[in-house]
Amino acid sequence: NEVMCLVCGVPLALADAPQAQRERVFITRMVSQCRSKSQIKSAL
């Protein structure tokens, strides 16, 4: 809800482009590494 899809220009929660899927995979990997929301946003 706090990040955007770079291709669509909409919040990631609403996007379904391949770029959005790559961003979700990146976020999922960071969540599984036990990172906080601010750390994940900084990494993004």
All heavy atoms as atom14 arrays in JSON, in Angstrom:
{
  "sequence": "NEVMCLVCGVPLALADAPQAQRERVFITRMVSQCRSKSQIKSAL",
  "atom14_mask": [
    [1, 1, 1, 1, 1, 1, 1, 1, 0, 0, 0, 0, 0, 0],
    [1, 1, 1, 1, 1, 1, 1, 1, 1, 0, 0, 0, 0, 0],
    [1, 1, 1, 1, 1, 1, 1, 0, 0, 0, 0, 0, 0, 0],
    [1, 1, 1, 1, 1, 1, 1, 1, 0, 0, 0, 0, 0, 0],
    [1, 1, 1, 1, 1, 1, 0, 0, 0, 0, 0, 0, 0, 0],
    [1, 1, 1, 1, 1, 1, 1, 1, 0, 0, 0, 0, 0, 0],
    [1, 1, 1, 1, 1, 1, 1, 0, 0, 0, 0, 0, 0, 0],
    [1, 1, 1, 1, 1, 1, 0, 0, 0, 0, 0, 0, 0, 0],
    [1, 1, 1, 1, 0, 0, 0, 0, 0, 0, 0, 0, 0, 0],
    [1, 1, 1, 1, 1, 1, 1, 0, 0, 0, 0, 0, 0, 0],
    [1, 1, 1, 1, 1, 1, 1, 0, 0, 0, 0, 0, 0, 0],
    [1, 1, 1, 1, 1, 1, 1, 1, 0, 0, 0, 0, 0, 0],
    [1, 1, 1, 1, 1, 0, 0, 0, 0, 0, 0, 0, 0, 0],
    [1, 1, 1, 1, 1, 1, 1, 1, 0, 0, 0, 0, 0, 0],
    [1, 1, 1, 1, 1, 0, 0, 0, 0, 0, 0, 0, 0, 0],
    [1, 1, 1, 1, 1, 1, 1, 1, 0, 0, 0, 0, 0, 0],
    [1, 1, 1, 1, 1, 0, 0, 0, 0, 0, 0, 0, 0, 0],
    [1, 1, 1, 1, 1, 1, 1, 0, 0, 0, 0, 0, 0, 0],
    [1, 1, 1, 1, 1, 1, 1, 1, 1, 0, 0, 0, 0, 0],
    [1, 1, 1, 1, 1, 0, 0, 0, 0, 0, 0, 0, 0, 0],
    [1, 1, 1, 1, 1, 1, 1, 1, 1, 0, 0, 0, 0, 0],
    [1, 1, 1, 1, 1, 1, 1, 1, 1, 1, 1, 0, 0, 0],
    [1, 1, 1, 1, 1, 1, 1, 1, 1, 0, 0, 0, 0, 0],
    [1, 1, 1, 1, 1, 1, 1, 1, 1, 1, 1, 0, 0, 0],
    [1, 1, 1, 1, 1, 1, 1, 0, 0, 0, 0, 0, 0, 0],
    [1, 1, 1, 1, 1, 1, 1, 1, 1, 1, 1, 0, 0, 0],
    [1, 1, 1, 1, 1, 1, 1, 1, 0, 0, 0, 0, 0, 0],
    [1, 1, 1, 1, 1, 1, 1, 0, 0, 0, 0, 0, 0, 0],
    [1, 1, 1, 1, 1, 1, 1, 1, 1, 1, 1, 0, 0, 0],
    [1, 1, 1, 1, 1, 1, 1, 1, 0, 0, 0, 0, 0, 0],
    [1, 1, 1, 1, 1, 1, 1, 0, 0, 0, 0, 0, 0, 0],
    [1, 1, 1, 1, 1, 1, 0, 0, 0, 0, 0, 0, 0, 0],
    [1, 1, 1, 1, 1, 1, 1, 1, 1, 0, 0, 0, 0, 0],
    [1, 1, 1, 1, 1, 1, 0, 0, 0, 0, 0, 0, 0, 0],
    [1, 1, 1, 1, 1, 1, 1, 1, 1, 1, 1, 0, 0, 0],
    [1, 1, 1, 1, 1, 1, 0, 0, 0, 0, 0, 0, 0, 0],
    [1, 1, 1, 1, 1, 1, 1, 1, 1, 0, 0, 0, 0, 0],
    [1, 1, 1, 1, 1, 1, 0, 0, 0, 0, 0, 0, 0, 0],
    [1, 1, 1, 1, 1, 1, 1, 1, 1, 0, 0, 0, 0, 0],
    [1, 1, 1, 1, 1, 1, 1, 1, 0, 0, 0, 0, 0, 0],
    [1, 1, 1, 1, 1, 1, 1, 1, 1, 0, 0, 0, 0, 0],
    [1, 1, 1, 1, 1, 1, 0, 0, 0, 0, 0, 0, 0, 0],
    [1, 1, 1, 1, 1, 0, 0, 0, 0, 0, 0, 0, 0, 0],
    [1, 1, 1, 1, 1, 1, 1, 1, 0, 0, 0, 0, 0, 0]
  ],
  "atom14_positions": [
    [[0.81, -1.21, 0.0], [0.0, 0.0, 0.0], [0.84, 1.27, 0.0], [0.32, 2.35, -0.24], [-0.95, 0.01, 1.2], [-2.0, -1.07, 1.08], [-2.46, -1.37, -0.01], [-2.36, -1.65, 2.19], [0.0, 0.0, 0.0], [0.0, 0.0, 0.0], [0.0, 0.0, 0.0], [0.0, 0.0, 0.0], [0.0, 0.0, 0.0], [0.0, 0.0, 0.0]],
    [[2.12, 1.16, 0.3], [2.97, 2.34, 0.41], [4.01, 2.45, -0.69], [4.83, 3.37, -0.67], [3.66, 2.34, 1.78], [2.67, 2.45, 2.92], [3.33, 2.53, 4.27], [4.53, 2.8, 4.33], [2.63, 2.3, 5.27], [0.0, 0.0, 0.0], [0.0, 0.0, 0.0], [0.0, 0.0, 0.0], [0.0, 0.0, 0.0], [0.0, 0.0, 0.0]],
    [[3.99, 1.53, -1.65], [4.93, 1.59, -2.77], [4.14, 1.52, -4.08], [2.99, 1.1, -4.11], [5.99, 0.48, -2.72], [6.88, 0.63, -1.5], [5.38, -0.89, -2.74], [0.0, 0.0, 0.0], [0.0, 0.0, 0.0], [0.0, 0.0, 0.0], [0.0, 0.0, 0.0], [0.0, 0.0, 0.0], [0.0, 0.0, 0.0], [0.0, 0.0, 0.0]],
    [[4.8, 1.95, -5.15], [4.15, 2.05, -6.46], [4.74, 1.03, -7.43], [5.89, 0.63, -7.31], [4.38, 3.44, -7.06], [3.92, 4.57, -6.19], [2.16, 4.69, -6.05], [1.77, 5.42, -7.61], [0.0, 0.0, 0.0], [0.0, 0.0, 0.0], [0.0, 0.0, 0.0], [0.0, 0.0, 0.0], [0.0, 0.0, 0.0], [0.0, 0.0, 0.0]],
    [[3.94, 0.63, -8.4], [4.44, -0.13, -9.53], [5.06, 0.87, -10.48], [4.42, 1.85, -10.86], [3.3, -0.89, -10.22], [3.82, -1.69, -11.75], [0.0, 0.0, 0.0], [0.0, 0.0, 0.0], [0.0, 0.0, 0.0], [0.0, 0.0, 0.0], [0.0, 0.0, 0.0], [0.0, 0.0, 0.0], [0.0, 0.0, 0.0], [0.0, 0.0, 0.0]],
    [[6.3, 0.67, -10.84], [7.01, 1.63, -11.68], [6.46, 1.69, -13.1], [6.57, 2.7, -13.77], [8.5, 1.31, -11.7], [9.19, 1.41, -10.34], [10.63, 0.94, -10.44], [9.12, 2.82, -9.81], [0.0, 0.0, 0.0], [0.0, 0.0, 0.0], [0.0, 0.0, 0.0], [0.0, 0.0, 0.0], [0.0, 0.0, 0.0], [0.0, 0.0, 0.0]],
    [[5.87, 0.62, -13.57], [5.34, 0.57, -14.93], [3.94, 1.17, -14.99], [3.64, 1.99, -15.84], [5.33, -0.89, -15.45], [4.64, -0.98, -16.8], [6.73, -1.42, -15.54], [0.0, 0.0, 0.0], [0.0, 0.0, 0.0], [0.0, 0.0, 0.0], [0.0, 0.0, 0.0], [0.0, 0.0, 0.0], [0.0, 0.0, 0.0], [0.0, 0.0, 0.0]],
    [[3.08, 0.77, -14.06], [1.68, 1.19, -14.08], [1.46, 2.58, -13.49], [0.53, 3.27, -13.85], [0.81, 0.2, -13.3], [0.99, -1.49, -13.85], [0.0, 0.0, 0.0], [0.0, 0.0, 0.0], [0.0, 0.0, 0.0], [0.0, 0.0, 0.0], [0.0, 0.0, 0.0], [0.0, 0.0, 0.0], [0.0, 0.0, 0.0], [0.0, 0.0, 0.0]],
    [[2.27, 2.96, -12.52], [2.08, 4.24, -11.85], [0.95, 4.21, -10.83], [0.41, 5.25, -10.49], [0.0, 0.0, 0.0], [0.0, 0.0, 0.0], [0.0, 0.0, 0.0], [0.0, 0.0, 0.0], [0.0, 0.0, 0.0], [0.0, 0.0, 0.0], [0.0, 0.0, 0.0], [0.0, 0.0, 0.0], [0.0, 0.0, 0.0], [0.0, 0.0, 0.0]],
    [[0.57, 3.04, -10.38], [-0.48, 2.88, -9.36], [0.13, 2.17, -8.16], [1.19, 1.56, -8.27], [-1.7, 2.09, -9.91], [-2.36, 2.83, -11.05], [-1.31, 0.7, -10.33], [0.0, 0.0, 0.0], [0.0, 0.0, 0.0], [0.0, 0.0, 0.0], [0.0, 0.0, 0.0], [0.0, 0.0, 0.0], [0.0, 0.0, 0.0], [0.0, 0.0, 0.0]],
    [[-0.56, 2.21, -7.01], [-0.03, 1.47, -5.86], [0.15, -0.01, -6.2], [-0.62, -0.58, -6.98], [-1.1, 1.66, -4.78], [-1.76, 2.94, -5.13], [-1.74, 3.01, -6.64], [0.0, 0.0, 0.0], [0.0, 0.0, 0.0], [0.0, 0.0, 0.0], [0.0, 0.0, 0.0], [0.0, 0.0, 0.0], [0.0, 0.0, 0.0], [0.0, 0.0, 0.0]],
    [[1.17, -0.59, -5.64], [1.53, -1.98, -5.94], [0.38, -2.94, -5.63], [0.22, -3.96, -6.29], [2.78, -2.37, -5.16], [3.44, -3.69, -5.53], [3.87, -3.68, -6.99], [4.62, -3.96, -4.64], [0.0, 0.0, 0.0], [0.0, 0.0, 0.0], [0.0, 0.0, 0.0], [0.0, 0.0, 0.0], [0.0, 0.0, 0.0], [0.0, 0.0, 0.0]],
    [[-0.44, -2.6, -4.64], [-1.56, -3.46, -4.28], [-2.57, -3.58, -5.42], [-3.31, -4.56, -5.5], [-2.25, -2.91, -3.03], [0.0, 0.0, 0.0], [0.0, 0.0, 0.0], [0.0, 0.0, 0.0], [0.0, 0.0, 0.0], [0.0, 0.0, 0.0], [0.0, 0.0, 0.0], [0.0, 0.0, 0.0], [0.0, 0.0, 0.0], [0.0, 0.0, 0.0]],
    [[-2.61, -2.58, -6.33], [-3.57, -2.6, -7.44], [-2.97, -3.08, -8.75], [-3.7, -3.33, -9.7], [-4.15, -1.19, -7.64], [-4.82, -0.55, -6.44], [-5.21, 0.87, -6.75], [-6.03, -1.37, -6.02], [0.0, 0.0, 0.0], [0.0, 0.0, 0.0], [0.0, 0.0, 0.0], [0.0, 0.0, 0.0], [0.0, 0.0, 0.0], [0.0, 0.0, 0.0]],
    [[-1.66, -3.17, -8.82], [-0.97, -3.47, -10.08], [-0.85, -4.98, -10.29], [-0.76, -5.75, -9.34], [0.4, -2.83, -10.08], [0.0, 0.0, 0.0], [0.0, 0.0, 0.0], [0.0, 0.0, 0.0], [0.0, 0.0, 0.0], [0.0, 0.0, 0.0], [0.0, 0.0, 0.0], [0.0, 0.0, 0.0], [0.0, 0.0, 0.0], [0.0, 0.0, 0.0]],
    [[-0.81, -5.36, -11.58], [-0.64, -6.77, -11.92], [0.35, -6.96, -13.06], [0.35, -7.98, -13.73], [-2.0, -7.39, -12.28], [-1.98, -8.9, -12.21], [-1.19, -9.43, -11.4], [-2.72, -9.55, -12.96], [0.0, 0.0, 0.0], [0.0, 0.0, 0.0], [0.0, 0.0, 0.0], [0.0, 0.0, 0.0], [0.0, 0.0, 0.0], [0.0, 0.0, 0.0]],
    [[1.19, -5.97, -13.3], [2.19, -6.05, -14.37], [3.34, -6.95, -13.94], [3.52, -7.22, -12.74], [2.72, -4.65, -14.68], [0.0, 0.0, 0.0], [0.0, 0.0, 0.0], [0.0, 0.0, 0.0], [0.0, 0.0, 0.0], [0.0, 0.0, 0.0], [0.0, 0.0, 0.0], [0.0, 0.0, 0.0], [0.0, 0.0, 0.0], [0.0, 0.0, 0.0]],
    [[4.15, -7.44, -14.88], [5.31, -8.25, -14.51], [6.27, -7.52, -13.56], [6.84, -8.13, -12.67], [5.98, -8.55, -15.86], [4.88, -8.46, -16.86], [3.94, -7.41, -16.33], [0.0, 0.0, 0.0], [0.0, 0.0, 0.0], [0.0, 0.0, 0.0], [0.0, 0.0, 0.0], [0.0, 0.0, 0.0], [0.0, 0.0, 0.0], [0.0, 0.0, 0.0]],
    [[6.4, -6.21, -13.75], [7.25, -5.43, -12.84], [6.68, -5.46, -11.43], [7.41, -5.57, -10.45], [7.37, -3.97, -13.32], [8.1, -3.06, -12.38], [9.56, -3.45, -12.17], [10.19, -3.99, -13.06], [10.08, -3.19, -11.0], [0.0, 0.0, 0.0], [0.0, 0.0, 0.0], [0.0, 0.0, 0.0], [0.0, 0.0, 0.0], [0.0, 0.0, 0.0]],
    [[5.37, -5.39, -11.3], [4.73, -5.45, -9.99], [4.99, -6.81, -9.34], [5.23, -6.89, -8.12], [3.23, -5.21, -10.12], [0.0, 0.0, 0.0], [0.0, 0.0, 0.0], [0.0, 0.0, 0.0], [0.0, 0.0, 0.0], [0.0, 0.0, 0.0], [0.0, 0.0, 0.0], [0.0, 0.0, 0.0], [0.0, 0.0, 0.0], [0.0, 0.0, 0.0]],
    [[4.96, -7.86, -10.12], [5.24, -9.19, -9.59], [6.69, -9.28, -9.09], [6.95, -9.86, -8.03], [4.98, -10.27, -10.66], [3.54, -10.36, -11.11], [2.6, -10.69, -9.97], [2.94, -11.38, -9.02], [1.37, -10.17, -10.06], [0.0, 0.0, 0.0], [0.0, 0.0, 0.0], [0.0, 0.0, 0.0], [0.0, 0.0, 0.0], [0.0, 0.0, 0.0]],
    [[7.62, -8.66, -9.83], [9.02, -8.67, -9.4], [9.18, -7.9, -8.09], [9.92, -8.33, -7.19], [9.92, -8.07, -10.48], [10.15, -9.0, -11.65], [11.24, -8.47, -12.57], [10.83, -7.32, -13.34], [10.17, -7.37, -14.49], [9.84, -8.53, -15.0], [9.86, -6.27, -15.13], [0.0, 0.0, 0.0], [0.0, 0.0, 0.0], [0.0, 0.0, 0.0]],
    [[8.48, -6.78, -7.97], [8.55, -6.01, -6.72], [7.97, -6.81, -5.56], [8.51, -6.79, -4.45], [7.81, -4.68, -6.88], [8.52, -3.69, -7.78], [7.77, -2.38, -7.94], [7.16, -1.93, -6.95], [7.8, -1.82, -9.04], [0.0, 0.0, 0.0], [0.0, 0.0, 0.0], [0.0, 0.0, 0.0], [0.0, 0.0, 0.0], [0.0, 0.0, 0.0]],
    [[6.86, -7.53, -5.79], [6.26, -8.35, -4.74], [7.22, -9.45, -4.29], [7.32, -9.74, -3.1], [4.95, -8.95, -5.21], [3.8, -8.03, -5.1], [2.47, -8.75, -5.32], [1.45, -7.77, -5.59], [1.1, -7.35, -6.8], [1.64, -7.88, -7.87], [0.17, -6.42, -6.94], [0.0, 0.0, 0.0], [0.0, 0.0, 0.0], [0.0, 0.0, 0.0]],
    [[7.9, -10.09, -5.25], [8.87, -11.14, -4.91], [9.99, -10.55, -4.06], [10.41, -11.14, -3.06], [9.42, -11.81, -6.19], [10.62, -12.68, -5.89], [8.33, -12.61, -6.87], [0.0, 0.0, 0.0], [0.0, 0.0, 0.0], [0.0, 0.0, 0.0], [0.0, 0.0, 0.0], [0.0, 0.0, 0.0], [0.0, 0.0, 0.0], [0.0, 0.0, 0.0]],
    [[10.46, -9.37, -4.44], [11.51, -8.69, -3.67], [11.04, -8.41, -2.25], [11.75, -8.66, -1.27], [11.89, -7.38, -4.39], [13.04, -6.65, -3.77], [14.34, -7.02, -4.04], [12.82, -5.58, -2.92], [15.41, -6.34, -3.46], [13.87, -4.9, -2.35], [15.17, -5.28, -2.62], [0.0, 0.0, 0.0], [0.0, 0.0, 0.0], [0.0, 0.0, 0.0]],
    [[9.81, -7.89, -2.13], [9.25, -7.59, -0.79], [9.08, -8.87, 0.01], [9.42, -8.91, 1.21], [7.91, -6.84, -0.93], [8.15, -5.45, -1.53], [7.22, -6.71, 0.42], [6.89, -4.75, -1.96], [0.0, 0.0, 0.0], [0.0, 0.0, 0.0], [0.0, 0.0, 0.0], [0.0, 0.0, 0.0], [0.0, 0.0, 0.0], [0.0, 0.0, 0.0]],
    [[8.59, -9.94, -0.61], [8.4, -11.22, 0.09], [9.73, -11.74, 0.6], [9.82, -12.23, 1.74], [7.75, -12.24, -0.85], [6.53, -11.7, -1.34], [7.47, -13.54, -0.14], [0.0, 0.0, 0.0], [0.0, 0.0, 0.0], [0.0, 0.0, 0.0], [0.0, 0.0, 0.0], [0.0, 0.0, 0.0], [0.0, 0.0, 0.0], [0.0, 0.0, 0.0]],
    [[10.77, -11.62, -0.21], [12.1, -12.07, 0.21], [12.58, -11.25, 1.42], [13.13, -11.8, 2.38], [13.09, -11.92, -0.95], [14.37, -12.67, -0.74], [15.31, -12.62, -1.94], [14.62, -12.75, -3.22], [14.78, -11.9, -4.24], [15.6, -10.89, -4.13], [14.14, -12.1, -5.37], [0.0, 0.0, 0.0], [0.0, 0.0, 0.0], [0.0, 0.0, 0.0]],
    [[12.33, -9.95, 1.41], [12.75, -9.09, 2.53], [11.95, -9.41, 3.79], [12.49, -9.4, 4.89], [12.59, -7.62, 2.16], [13.42, -7.18, 0.96], [15.17, -7.32, 1.23], [15.46, -5.86, 2.16], [0.0, 0.0, 0.0], [0.0, 0.0, 0.0], [0.0, 0.0, 0.0], [0.0, 0.0, 0.0], [0.0, 0.0, 0.0], [0.0, 0.0, 0.0]],
    [[10.65, -9.7, 3.64], [9.82, -10.06, 4.8], [10.3, -11.37, 5.39], [10.38, -11.52, 6.61], [8.32, -10.13, 4.4], [7.5, -10.8, 5.48], [7.78, -8.75, 4.11], [0.0, 0.0, 0.0], [0.0, 0.0, 0.0], [0.0, 0.0, 0.0], [0.0, 0.0, 0.0], [0.0, 0.0, 0.0], [0.0, 0.0, 0.0], [0.0, 0.0, 0.0]],
    [[10.67, -12.32, 4.53], [11.15, -13.61, 5.05], [12.5, -13.48, 5.73], [12.86, -14.31, 6.56], [11.23, -14.64, 3.92], [12.24, -14.28, 2.99], [0.0, 0.0, 0.0], [0.0, 0.0, 0.0], [0.0, 0.0, 0.0], [0.0, 0.0, 0.0], [0.0, 0.0, 0.0], [0.0, 0.0, 0.0], [0.0, 0.0, 0.0], [0.0, 0.0, 0.0]],
    [[13.25, -12.42, 5.41], [14.53, -12.14, 6.09], [14.31, -11.35, 7.37], [15.27, -10.89, 7.98], [15.47, -11.37, 5.16], [15.94, -12.18, 3.98], [16.75, -11.33, 3.02], [16.97, -10.15, 3.23], [17.21, -11.96, 1.95], [0.0, 0.0, 0.0], [0.0, 0.0, 0.0], [0.0, 0.0, 0.0], [0.0, 0.0, 0.0], [0.0, 0.0, 0.0]],
    [[13.04, -11.15, 7.74], [12.68, -10.51, 9.01], [13.06, -9.03, 9.02], [13.52, -8.51, 10.04], [13.32, -11.26, 10.17], [12.38, -11.1, 11.68], [0.0, 0.0, 0.0], [0.0, 0.0, 0.0], [0.0, 0.0, 0.0], [0.0, 0.0, 0.0], [0.0, 0.0, 0.0], [0.0, 0.0, 0.0], [0.0, 0.0, 0.0], [0.0, 0.0, 0.0]],
    [[12.85, -8.34, 7.9], [13.15, -6.91, 7.82], [11.92, -6.1, 8.22], [10.79, -6.52, 8.01], [13.56, -6.53, 6.4], [14.76, -7.26, 5.86], [16.03, -6.62, 6.39], [17.22, -7.34, 6.0], [17.94, -7.08, 4.93], [17.58, -6.13, 4.11], [19.01, -7.79, 4.67], [0.0, 0.0, 0.0], [0.0, 0.0, 0.0], [0.0, 0.0, 0.0]],
    [[12.14, -4.91, 8.75], [11.02, -4.04, 9.12], [10.51, -3.33, 7.87], [11.14, -3.35, 6.82], [11.46, -3.01, 10.15], [12.37, -2.09, 9.57], [0.0, 0.0, 0.0], [0.0, 0.0, 0.0], [0.0, 0.0, 0.0], [0.0, 0.0, 0.0], [0.0, 0.0, 0.0], [0.0, 0.0, 0.0], [0.0, 0.0, 0.0], [0.0, 0.0, 0.0]],
    [[9.35, -2.68, 7.99], [8.76, -1.99, 6.86], [9.68, -0.88, 6.35], [9.85, -0.72, 5.14], [7.41, -1.4, 7.24], [6.66, -0.86, 6.05], [5.42, -0.04, 6.34], [4.45, -0.64, 7.27], [3.19, 0.15, 7.34], [0.0, 0.0, 0.0], [0.0, 0.0, 0.0], [0.0, 0.0, 0.0], [0.0, 0.0, 0.0], [0.0, 0.0, 0.0]],
    [[10.29, -0.13, 7.26], [11.18, 0.95, 6.82], [12.43, 0.39, 6.14], [12.92, 0.97, 5.17], [11.55, 1.84, 8.0], [12.26, 1.1, 8.97], [0.0, 0.0, 0.0], [0.0, 0.0, 0.0], [0.0, 0.0, 0.0], [0.0, 0.0, 0.0], [0.0, 0.0, 0.0], [0.0, 0.0, 0.0], [0.0, 0.0, 0.0], [0.0, 0.0, 0.0]],
    [[12.93, -0.74, 6.63], [14.09, -1.36, 5.97], [13.72, -1.85, 4.57], [14.5, -1.71, 3.62], [14.61, -2.53, 6.8], [15.28, -2.13, 8.09], [15.62, -3.33, 8.96], [14.94, -4.35, 8.92], [16.67, -3.2, 9.76], [0.0, 0.0, 0.0], [0.0, 0.0, 0.0], [0.0, 0.0, 0.0], [0.0, 0.0, 0.0], [0.0, 0.0, 0.0]],
    [[12.52, -2.4, 4.44], [12.08, -2.89, 3.14], [11.91, -1.73, 2.17], [12.35, -1.79, 1.01], [10.76, -3.69, 3.27], [10.99, -4.96, 4.08], [10.17, -4.02, 1.9], [9.72, -5.69, 4.47], [0.0, 0.0, 0.0], [0.0, 0.0, 0.0], [0.0, 0.0, 0.0], [0.0, 0.0, 0.0], [0.0, 0.0, 0.0], [0.0, 0.0, 0.0]],
    [[11.32, -0.64, 2.63], [11.14, 0.52, 1.76], [12.49, 1.12, 1.36], [12.67, 1.53, 0.21], [10.25, 1.55, 2.44], [8.79, 1.1, 2.46], [7.87, 1.92, 3.32], [7.88, 3.37, 3.14], [6.9, 4.08, 3.96], [0.0, 0.0, 0.0], [0.0, 0.0, 0.0], [0.0, 0.0, 0.0], [0.0, 0.0, 0.0], [0.0, 0.0, 0.0]],
    [[13.43, 1.15, 2.28], [14.77, 1.64, 1.95], [15.44, 0.75, 0.91], [16.1, 1.23, -0.01], [15.63, 1.71, 3.21], [15.13, 2.65, 4.1], [0.0, 0.0, 0.0], [0.0, 0.0, 0.0], [0.0, 0.0, 0.0], [0.0, 0.0, 0.0], [0.0, 0.0, 0.0], [0.0, 0.0, 0.0], [0.0, 0.0, 0.0], [0.0, 0.0, 0.0]],
    [[15.28, -0.56, 1.06], [15.86, -1.5, 0.09], [15.19, -1.34, -1.28], [15.86, -1.42, -2.32], [15.7, -2.93, 0.59], [0.0, 0.0, 0.0], [0.0, 0.0, 0.0], [0.0, 0.0, 0.0], [0.0, 0.0, 0.0], [0.0, 0.0, 0.0], [0.0, 0.0, 0.0], [0.0, 0.0, 0.0], [0.0, 0.0, 0.0], [0.0, 0.0, 0.0]],
    [[13.88, -1.09, -1.3], [13.19, -0.86, -2.56], [13.7, 0.41, -3.24], [13.89, 0.43, -4.46], [11.68, -0.75, -2.32], [10.93, -2.07, -2.14], [9.54, -1.82, -1.59], [10.85, -2.82, -3.44], [0.0, 0.0, 0.0], [0.0, 0.0, 0.0], [0.0, 0.0, 0.0], [0.0, 0.0, 0.0], [0.0, 0.0, 0.0], [0.0, 0.0, 0.0]]
  ]
}
